[in-house]
C-alpha atoms as a PDB file:
ATOM      1  CA  MET A   1       0.000   0.000   0.000  1.00  0.00           C
ATOM      2  CA  VAL A   2       1.186   3.512  -0.859  1.00  0.00           C
ATOM      3  CA  LYS A   3      -0.115   6.971   0.003  1.00  0.00           C
ATOM      4  CA  VAL A   4       0.326   9.477  -2.831  1.00  0.00           C
ATOM      5  CA  PHE A   5      -1.567  12.207  -4.716  1.00  0.00           C
ATOM      6  CA  ASN A   6      -3.398  13.680  -1.733  1.00  0.00           C
ATOM      7  CA  THR A   7      -1.469  16.869  -0.929  1.00  0.00           C
ATOM      8  CA  THR A   8      -2.648  19.040  -3.802  1.00  0.00           C
ATOM      9  CA  GLY A   9      -5.691  19.949  -5.844  1.00  0.00           C
ATOM     10  CA  ALA A  10      -7.029  18.452  -9.055  1.00  0.00           C
ATOM     11  CA  ASN A  11      -5.714  21.253 -11.260  1.00  0.00           C
ATOM     12  CA  ASN A  12      -2.159  20.395 -10.192  1.00  0.00           C
ATOM     13  CA  MET A  13      -2.767  16.808 -11.197  1.00  0.00           C
ATOM     14  CA  GLU A  14      -3.375  18.112 -14.706  1.00  0.00           C
ATOM     15  CA  SER A  15      -0.391  20.466 -14.692  1.00  0.00           C
ATOM     16  CA  PRO A  16       2.118  20.459 -11.810  1.00  0.00           C
ATOM     17  CA  ASP A  17       4.477  22.776 -13.720  1.00  0.00           C
ATOM     18  CA  TYR A  18       5.071  26.210 -12.193  1.00  0.00           C
ATOM     19  CA  ASN A  19       7.135  28.213 -14.666  1.00  0.00           C
ATOM     20  CA  GLY A  20       9.418  25.270 -15.347  1.00  0.00           C
ATOM     21  CA  VAL A  21       9.534  24.049 -11.742  1.00  0.00           C
ATOM     22  CA  ALA A  22       7.756  20.813 -10.854  1.00  0.00           C
ATOM     23  CA  ALA A  23       5.536  20.787  -7.776  1.00  0.00           C
ATOM     24  CA  THR A  24       6.547  18.257  -5.132  1.00  0.00           C
ATOM     25  CA  MET A  25       4.492  15.106  -4.684  1.00  0.00           C
ATOM     26  CA  PHE A  26       5.171  13.269  -1.439  1.00  0.00           C
ATOM     27  CA  TYR A  27       4.535   9.546  -1.176  1.00  0.00           C
ATOM     28  CA  CYS A  28       5.051   6.893   1.470  1.00  0.00           C
ATOM     29  CA  GLY A  29       4.588   3.171   1.873  1.00  0.00           C
ATOM     30  CA  ASP A  30       6.017  -0.111   3.089  1.00  0.00           C
ATOM     31  CA  ASP A  31       6.294  -1.935  -0.248  1.00  0.00           C
ATOM     32  CA  ALA A  32       9.378  -0.941  -2.265  1.00  0.00           C
ATOM     33  CA  ASP A  33       7.859  -1.965  -5.602  1.00  0.00           C
ATOM     34  CA  ALA A  34       4.624  -0.084  -4.927  1.00  0.00           C
ATOM     35  CA  LYS A  35       6.603   2.991  -3.894  1.00  0.00           C
ATOM     36  CA  ALA A  36       8.663   2.820  -7.077  1.00  0.00           C
ATOM     37  CA  THR A  37       5.443   2.652  -9.100  1.00  0.00           C
ATOM     38  CA  ALA A  38       3.993   5.635  -7.217  1.00  0.00           C
ATOM     39  CA  ALA A  39       7.173   7.651  -7.786  1.00  0.00           C
ATOM     40  CA  ARG A  40       7.162   6.786 -11.483  1.00  0.00           C
ATOM     41  CA  LEU A  41       3.502   7.765 -11.849  1.00  0.00           C
ATOM     42  CA  ALA A  42       4.124  11.070 -10.070  1.00  0.00           C
ATOM     43  CA  SER A  43       7.133  11.755 -12.256  1.00  0.00           C
ATOM     44  CA  ASP A  44       5.223  10.808 -15.414  1.00  0.00           C
ATOM     45  CA  LEU A  45       2.566  13.372 -14.457  1.00  0.00           C
ATOM     46  CA  GLY A  46       5.283  16.008 -14.102  1.00  0.00           C
ATOM     47  CA  PHE A  47       5.717  16.107 -10.327  1.00  0.00           C
ATOM     48  CA  ASP A  48       8.971  15.964  -8.391  1.00  0.00           C
ATOM     49  CA  PRO A  49       8.347  12.801  -6.330  1.00  0.00           C
ATOM     50  CA  VAL A  50       9.744  12.743  -2.784  1.00  0.00           C
ATOM     51  CA  ASP A  51       9.798   9.597  -0.634  1.00  0.00           C
ATOM     52  CA  ALA A  52       8.420  10.477   2.804  1.00  0.00           C
ATOM     53  CA  GLY A  53       9.225   7.067   4.298  1.00  0.00           C
ATOM     54  CA  SER A  54       7.127   4.190   5.565  1.00  0.00           C
ATOM     55  CA  LEU A  55       3.343   4.009   5.420  1.00  0.00           C
ATOM     56  CA  GLU A  56       3.309   5.154   9.046  1.00  0.00           C
ATOM     57  CA  GLN A  57       4.261   8.589   7.695  1.00  0.00           C
ATOM     58  CA  ALA A  58       0.927   8.857   5.862  1.00  0.00           C
ATOM     59  CA  ARG A  59      -0.395  10.623   8.952  1.00  0.00           C
ATOM     60  CA  LEU A  60       2.119  13.404   8.273  1.00  0.00           C
ATOM     61  CA  LEU A  61       0.838  13.910   4.723  1.00  0.00           C
ATOM     62  CA  GLU A  62      -2.750  14.490   5.830  1.00  0.00           C
ATOM     63  CA  PRO A  63      -1.997  17.888   7.431  1.00  0.00           C
ATOM     64  CA  LEU A  64      -0.318  18.973   4.175  1.00  0.00           C
ATOM     65  CA  ALA A  65      -3.558  18.293   2.354  1.00  0.00           C
ATOM     66  CA  LEU A  66      -5.461  20.290   4.963  1.00  0.00           C
ATOM     67  CA  LEU A  67      -2.941  23.128   4.714  1.00  0.00           C
ATOM     68  CA  TRP A  68      -3.289  23.193   0.912  1.00  0.00           C
ATOM     69  CA  ILE A  69      -7.096  23.371   1.268  1.00  0.00           C
ATOM     70  CA  ARG A  70      -6.831  26.089   3.914  1.00  0.00           C
ATOM     71  CA  LEU A  71      -4.508  28.237   1.814  1.00  0.00           C
ATOM     72  CA  ALA A  72      -6.403  27.700  -1.437  1.00  0.00           C
ATOM     73  CA  TYR A  73      -9.924  28.253  -0.181  1.00  0.00           C
ATOM     74  CA  ALA A  74     -10.144  29.778   3.296  1.00  0.00           C
ATOM     75  CA  GLN A  75      -7.287  32.208   2.749  1.00  0.00           C
ATOM     76  CA  GLY A  76      -8.230  32.918  -0.847  1.00  0.00           C
ATOM     77  CA  MET A  77      -4.948  31.975  -2.539  1.00  0.00           C
ATOM     78  CA  GLY A  78      -6.830  29.932  -5.109  1.00  0.00           C
ATOM     79  CA  ARG A  79      -6.123  26.499  -6.498  1.00  0.00           C
ATOM     80  CA  ASP A  80      -3.025  27.487  -8.458  1.00  0.00           C
ATOM     81  CA  ILE A  81      -0.700  26.826  -5.534  1.00  0.00           C
ATOM     82  CA  ALA A  82       1.532  23.843  -4.783  1.00  0.00           C
ATOM     83  CA  PHE A  83       4.190  22.703  -2.362  1.00  0.00           C
ATOM     84  CA  LYS A  84       7.848  22.543  -3.390  1.00  0.00           C
ATOM     85  CA  LEU A  85      10.574  20.904  -1.340  1.00  0.00           C
ATOM     86  CA  MET A  86      13.764  22.842  -1.973  1.00  0.00           C
ATOM     87  CA  LYS A  87      17.127  21.034  -1.913  1.00  0.00           C
ATOM     88  CA  ARG A  88      20.740  22.234  -2.006  1.00  0.00           C
END
């Protein structure tokens, strides 16, 4: 089992590109093959897939979904927002 595709809105599923920068898509799970498939699917859709660890970490992804909803709707930022994990 894998958790993926729940930390953003539907419009980002269609186009996760933000001026040439791919939105981050976090995923987690306990099955290495399933995680590889999830990462490949996210990448194929144009996301930057990031492994968040074991399936136990799914509980950490839920607040990201709630934050996205809060920012998009309650705070009026709109649906054209996405998370990006920055790396050096």
